Amino acid sequence: MQKKLHIKKGDTVMVISGESKGQQGKVLVMEAAKNKAIVEGVNLVSKHTKPNTENPKGGIIKKEAAIHISNLKVVDGSGKPTRIGRKLDEKTNKLVRYSKKSGEVIK
């Protein structure tokens, strides 16, 4: 069984360590099996490509690389990085994620 992660696709996250420390972006892809995520505009690498239909000249393109989820923190509504908790919502009787800093529910 796969462990539940604190980050989901579509979350806004901040990088807390590494070369891209301090940068924020939206999670584009989650690789749960590898505990990695691809974040928009973060951890850019140069990739050498041969000419193809998308890029007829080929050359070097900048592309986002995967980053380990331990280096990411979810950004809450106030724009600050926070830890994530789970609690039972009384109205819907479902488990919801909430910000440990402000206490507000994260969608």
N, C-alpha and C. Protein backbone atom coordinates (compact mmCIF):
# COMPACT_ATOMS: atom_id res chain seq x y z
N MET A 1 0.84 -1.19 0.00
CA MET A 1 0.00 0.00 0.00
C MET A 1 0.87 1.24 0.00
N GLN A 2 0.50 2.22 -0.80
CA GLN A 2 1.27 3.46 -0.93
C GLN A 2 0.98 4.39 0.24
N LYS A 3 2.00 5.01 0.80
CA LYS A 3 1.86 5.95 1.90
C LYS A 3 1.22 7.24 1.39
N LYS A 4 0.34 7.85 2.21
CA LYS A 4 -0.28 9.12 1.82
C LYS A 4 0.77 10.23 1.89
N LEU A 5 0.78 11.08 0.89
CA LEU A 5 1.75 12.17 0.83
C LEU A 5 1.10 13.48 1.23
N HIS A 6 1.90 14.43 1.70
CA HIS A 6 1.37 15.72 2.12
C HIS A 6 1.19 16.68 0.95
N ILE A 7 1.64 16.29 -0.24
CA ILE A 7 1.57 17.15 -1.42
C ILE A 7 0.73 16.45 -2.47
N LYS A 8 -0.10 17.24 -3.18
CA LYS A 8 -0.92 16.71 -4.27
C LYS A 8 -0.67 17.54 -5.52
N LYS A 9 -1.04 16.99 -6.66
CA LYS A 9 -0.95 17.72 -7.93
C LYS A 9 -1.84 18.95 -7.84
N GLY A 10 -1.31 20.10 -8.27
CA GLY A 10 -2.07 21.34 -8.23
C GLY A 10 -1.78 22.21 -7.03
N ASP A 11 -1.11 21.67 -6.00
CA ASP A 11 -0.75 22.46 -4.81
C ASP A 11 0.32 23.49 -5.16
N THR A 12 0.30 24.61 -4.47
CA THR A 12 1.39 25.58 -4.57
C THR A 12 2.37 25.23 -3.46
N VAL A 13 3.63 25.05 -3.84
CA VAL A 13 4.64 24.63 -2.87
C VAL A 13 5.85 25.56 -2.90
N MET A 14 6.62 25.53 -1.81
CA MET A 14 7.87 26.28 -1.72
C MET A 14 9.01 25.29 -1.49
N VAL A 15 10.14 25.53 -2.15
CA VAL A 15 11.32 24.68 -1.96
C VAL A 15 12.04 25.17 -0.71
N ILE A 16 12.30 24.24 0.23
CA ILE A 16 12.90 24.64 1.51
C ILE A 16 14.39 24.31 1.59
N SER A 17 14.91 23.53 0.61
CA SER A 17 16.35 23.25 0.61
C SER A 17 16.80 22.88 -0.79
N GLY A 18 18.09 23.03 -1.01
CA GLY A 18 18.66 22.71 -2.31
C GLY A 18 18.97 23.96 -3.13
N GLU A 19 19.30 23.75 -4.38
CA GLU A 19 19.71 24.84 -5.26
C GLU A 19 18.59 25.84 -5.52
N SER A 20 17.35 25.36 -5.55
CA SER A 20 16.19 26.22 -5.84
C SER A 20 15.50 26.72 -4.58
N LYS A 21 16.21 26.77 -3.45
CA LYS A 21 15.63 27.15 -2.16
C LYS A 21 14.93 28.51 -2.24
N GLY A 22 13.71 28.57 -1.69
CA GLY A 22 12.96 29.82 -1.65
C GLY A 22 12.01 30.02 -2.81
N GLN A 23 12.16 29.24 -3.87
CA GLN A 23 11.28 29.40 -5.03
C GLN A 23 9.94 28.73 -4.80
N GLN A 24 8.89 29.33 -5.39
CA GLN A 24 7.55 28.77 -5.29
C GLN A 24 7.05 28.38 -6.66
N GLY A 25 6.15 27.41 -6.70
CA GLY A 25 5.56 26.99 -7.96
C GLY A 25 4.43 26.01 -7.73
N LYS A 26 3.74 25.70 -8.80
CA LYS A 26 2.61 24.78 -8.75
C LYS A 26 3.08 23.38 -9.13
N VAL A 27 2.59 22.36 -8.43
CA VAL A 27 2.98 20.98 -8.70
C VAL A 27 2.30 20.53 -9.99
N LEU A 28 3.11 20.15 -10.98
CA LEU A 28 2.59 19.71 -12.27
C LEU A 28 2.37 18.20 -12.30
N VAL A 29 3.33 17.45 -11.76
CA VAL A 29 3.29 15.98 -11.79
C VAL A 29 3.77 15.45 -10.45
N MET A 30 3.05 14.45 -9.92
CA MET A 30 3.49 13.76 -8.71
C MET A 30 3.94 12.36 -9.08
N GLU A 31 5.14 11.98 -8.67
CA GLU A 31 5.65 10.62 -8.87
C GLU A 31 5.68 9.96 -7.49
N ALA A 32 4.52 9.43 -7.07
CA ALA A 32 4.36 8.92 -5.71
C ALA A 32 5.29 7.74 -5.42
N ALA A 33 5.53 6.90 -6.41
CA ALA A 33 6.38 5.72 -6.20
C ALA A 33 7.82 6.13 -5.87
N LYS A 34 8.27 7.25 -6.44
CA LYS A 34 9.64 7.73 -6.22
C LYS A 34 9.71 8.83 -5.17
N ASN A 35 8.56 9.25 -4.62
CA ASN A 35 8.49 10.38 -3.67
C ASN A 35 9.06 11.65 -4.27
N LYS A 36 8.75 11.91 -5.55
CA LYS A 36 9.25 13.10 -6.23
C LYS A 36 8.10 13.85 -6.88
N ALA A 37 8.34 15.14 -7.13
CA ALA A 37 7.35 15.98 -7.79
C ALA A 37 8.05 16.88 -8.80
N ILE A 38 7.33 17.24 -9.85
CA ILE A 38 7.84 18.22 -10.81
C ILE A 38 7.06 19.50 -10.57
N VAL A 39 7.79 20.58 -10.26
CA VAL A 39 7.19 21.85 -9.89
C VAL A 39 7.48 22.87 -10.99
N GLU A 40 6.46 23.63 -11.34
CA GLU A 40 6.53 24.62 -12.42
C GLU A 40 7.59 25.69 -12.12
N GLY A 41 8.58 25.83 -13.00
CA GLY A 41 9.60 26.88 -12.88
C GLY A 41 10.67 26.62 -11.83
N VAL A 42 10.72 25.43 -11.24
CA VAL A 42 11.68 25.13 -10.18
C VAL A 42 12.57 23.97 -10.62
N ASN A 43 13.85 24.01 -10.21
CA ASN A 43 14.82 22.95 -10.51
C ASN A 43 14.99 22.77 -12.02
N LEU A 44 15.27 23.87 -12.71
CA LEU A 44 15.44 23.84 -14.16
C LEU A 44 16.78 23.22 -14.54
N VAL A 45 16.76 22.35 -15.54
CA VAL A 45 17.98 21.74 -16.05
C VAL A 45 18.05 21.97 -17.56
N SER A 46 19.26 21.95 -18.11
CA SER A 46 19.45 22.10 -19.54
C SER A 46 19.45 20.72 -20.18
N LYS A 47 18.61 20.55 -21.18
CA LYS A 47 18.52 19.26 -21.86
C LYS A 47 18.89 19.45 -23.32
N HIS A 48 19.84 18.65 -23.81
CA HIS A 48 20.26 18.71 -25.20
C HIS A 48 19.30 17.85 -26.02
N THR A 49 18.74 18.43 -27.08
CA THR A 49 17.76 17.70 -27.89
C THR A 49 18.17 17.67 -29.36
N LYS A 50 17.83 16.57 -30.00
CA LYS A 50 18.02 16.46 -31.44
C LYS A 50 16.87 17.17 -32.13
N PRO A 51 17.03 17.55 -33.38
CA PRO A 51 15.92 18.17 -34.10
C PRO A 51 14.72 17.21 -34.19
N ASN A 52 13.52 17.75 -33.92
CA ASN A 52 12.29 16.97 -34.04
C ASN A 52 11.16 17.89 -34.50
N THR A 53 9.95 17.38 -34.56
CA THR A 53 8.85 18.19 -35.07
C THR A 53 8.53 19.38 -34.17
N GLU A 54 8.65 19.21 -32.87
CA GLU A 54 8.38 20.31 -31.94
C GLU A 54 9.49 21.36 -31.98
N ASN A 55 10.72 20.91 -32.13
CA ASN A 55 11.88 21.79 -32.11
C ASN A 55 12.75 21.47 -33.34
N PRO A 56 12.43 22.06 -34.52
CA PRO A 56 13.12 21.68 -35.76
C PRO A 56 14.63 21.91 -35.76
N LYS A 57 15.10 22.90 -34.98
CA LYS A 57 16.54 23.18 -34.95
C LYS A 57 17.27 22.32 -33.93
N GLY A 58 16.55 21.79 -32.94
CA GLY A 58 17.23 21.05 -31.88
C GLY A 58 17.88 22.03 -30.92
N GLY A 59 18.92 21.62 -30.23
CA GLY A 59 19.66 22.50 -29.35
C GLY A 59 19.40 22.21 -27.89
N ILE A 60 19.62 23.24 -27.05
CA ILE A 60 19.51 23.10 -25.61
C ILE A 60 18.21 23.75 -25.15
N ILE A 61 17.41 22.99 -24.41
CA ILE A 61 16.17 23.55 -23.86
C ILE A 61 16.21 23.47 -22.33
N LYS A 62 15.54 24.40 -21.67
CA LYS A 62 15.42 24.39 -20.21
C LYS A 62 14.16 23.62 -19.85
N LYS A 63 14.26 22.73 -18.87
CA LYS A 63 13.15 21.87 -18.51
C LYS A 63 13.16 21.63 -17.00
N GLU A 64 11.96 21.47 -16.39
CA GLU A 64 11.89 21.19 -14.96
C GLU A 64 12.26 19.74 -14.69
N ALA A 65 13.07 19.53 -13.68
CA ALA A 65 13.43 18.17 -13.26
C ALA A 65 12.69 17.86 -11.96
N ALA A 66 12.59 16.58 -11.64
CA ALA A 66 11.89 16.14 -10.43
C ALA A 66 12.67 16.58 -9.19
N ILE A 67 11.94 16.87 -8.13
CA ILE A 67 12.55 17.26 -6.86
C ILE A 67 11.91 16.43 -5.75
N HIS A 68 12.69 16.00 -4.77
CA HIS A 68 12.18 15.13 -3.72
C HIS A 68 11.18 15.89 -2.85
N ILE A 69 10.09 15.21 -2.44
CA ILE A 69 9.04 15.89 -1.70
C ILE A 69 9.47 16.33 -0.30
N SER A 70 10.56 15.77 0.23
CA SER A 70 11.04 16.20 1.55
C SER A 70 11.61 17.62 1.47
N ASN A 71 11.91 18.10 0.26
CA ASN A 71 12.43 19.44 0.08
C ASN A 71 11.34 20.45 -0.23
N LEU A 72 10.06 20.04 -0.13
CA LEU A 72 8.93 20.91 -0.47
C LEU A 72 8.01 21.09 0.72
N LYS A 73 7.44 22.29 0.83
CA LYS A 73 6.40 22.57 1.83
C LYS A 73 5.23 23.22 1.12
N VAL A 74 4.02 22.85 1.52
CA VAL A 74 2.81 23.43 0.93
C VAL A 74 2.66 24.86 1.41
N VAL A 75 2.24 25.76 0.50
CA VAL A 75 2.00 27.16 0.84
C VAL A 75 0.50 27.31 1.09
N ASP A 76 0.14 27.87 2.26
CA ASP A 76 -1.28 28.04 2.59
C ASP A 76 -1.82 29.34 1.98
N GLY A 77 -3.06 29.68 2.31
CA GLY A 77 -3.73 30.85 1.73
C GLY A 77 -3.03 32.17 2.02
N SER A 78 -2.30 32.26 3.14
CA SER A 78 -1.61 33.50 3.49
C SER A 78 -0.29 33.65 2.75
N GLY A 79 0.13 32.62 2.00
CA GLY A 79 1.36 32.69 1.22
C GLY A 79 2.60 32.24 1.96
N LYS A 80 2.43 31.62 3.14
CA LYS A 80 3.58 31.16 3.92
C LYS A 80 3.64 29.64 3.89
N PRO A 81 4.86 29.07 3.89
CA PRO A 81 4.98 27.61 3.90
C PRO A 81 4.51 27.05 5.24
N THR A 82 3.86 25.91 5.20
CA THR A 82 3.32 25.32 6.41
C THR A 82 3.38 23.81 6.35
N ARG A 83 3.30 23.18 7.53
CA ARG A 83 3.17 21.73 7.58
C ARG A 83 1.70 21.39 7.39
N ILE A 84 1.43 20.16 7.01
CA ILE A 84 0.08 19.73 6.71
C ILE A 84 -0.36 18.68 7.73
N GLY A 85 -1.61 18.83 8.20
CA GLY A 85 -2.21 17.84 9.07
C GLY A 85 -3.49 17.34 8.43
N ARG A 86 -4.04 16.26 9.00
CA ARG A 86 -5.33 15.74 8.51
C ARG A 86 -6.29 15.66 9.69
N LYS A 87 -7.53 16.08 9.44
CA LYS A 87 -8.56 15.96 10.48
C LYS A 87 -9.89 15.63 9.83
N LEU A 88 -10.80 15.11 10.63
CA LEU A 88 -12.12 14.73 10.15
C LEU A 88 -13.01 15.97 10.11
N ASP A 89 -13.60 16.25 8.95
CA ASP A 89 -14.51 17.38 8.80
C ASP A 89 -15.88 16.95 9.33
N GLU A 90 -16.44 17.74 10.27
CA GLU A 90 -17.71 17.37 10.90
C GLU A 90 -18.87 17.38 9.91
N LYS A 91 -18.87 18.35 8.99
CA LYS A 91 -19.99 18.50 8.04
C LYS A 91 -20.05 17.37 7.02
N THR A 92 -18.92 17.10 6.38
CA THR A 92 -18.90 16.10 5.31
C THR A 92 -18.48 14.72 5.79
N ASN A 93 -17.97 14.63 7.02
CA ASN A 93 -17.50 13.36 7.59
C ASN A 93 -16.36 12.75 6.75
N LYS A 94 -15.53 13.62 6.15
CA LYS A 94 -14.39 13.16 5.36
C LYS A 94 -13.11 13.73 5.94
N LEU A 95 -12.00 13.07 5.62
CA LEU A 95 -10.69 13.53 6.06
C LEU A 95 -10.23 14.69 5.18
N VAL A 96 -9.87 15.82 5.79
CA VAL A 96 -9.42 16.99 5.03
C VAL A 96 -8.02 17.38 5.48
N ARG A 97 -7.28 18.02 4.58
CA ARG A 97 -5.95 18.53 4.91
C ARG A 97 -6.09 19.95 5.46
N TYR A 98 -5.28 20.29 6.47
CA TYR A 98 -5.33 21.64 7.01
C TYR A 98 -3.91 22.13 7.31
N SER A 99 -3.78 23.46 7.34
CA SER A 99 -2.50 24.10 7.63
C SER A 99 -2.27 24.08 9.12
N LYS A 100 -1.11 23.57 9.54
CA LYS A 100 -0.80 23.54 10.97
C LYS A 100 -0.47 24.93 11.50
N LYS A 101 -0.08 25.85 10.61
CA LYS A 101 0.27 27.20 11.03
C LYS A 101 -0.97 28.04 11.29
N SER A 102 -1.90 28.06 10.32
CA SER A 102 -3.08 28.92 10.46
C SER A 102 -4.35 28.16 10.83
N GLY A 103 -4.35 26.85 10.64
CA GLY A 103 -5.52 26.05 10.97
C GLY A 103 -6.57 25.98 9.88
N GLU A 104 -6.36 26.72 8.77
CA GLU A 104 -7.36 26.72 7.69
C GLU A 104 -7.27 25.46 6.84
N VAL A 105 -8.41 25.06 6.29
CA VAL A 105 -8.49 23.85 5.47
C VAL A 105 -7.89 24.13 4.10
N ILE A 106 -7.09 23.20 3.60
CA ILE A 106 -6.50 23.32 2.26
C ILE A 106 -7.30 22.44 1.34
N LYS A 107 -7.74 23.02 0.23
CA LYS A 107 -8.66 22.34 -0.71
C LYS A 107 -8.26 20.93 -1.05
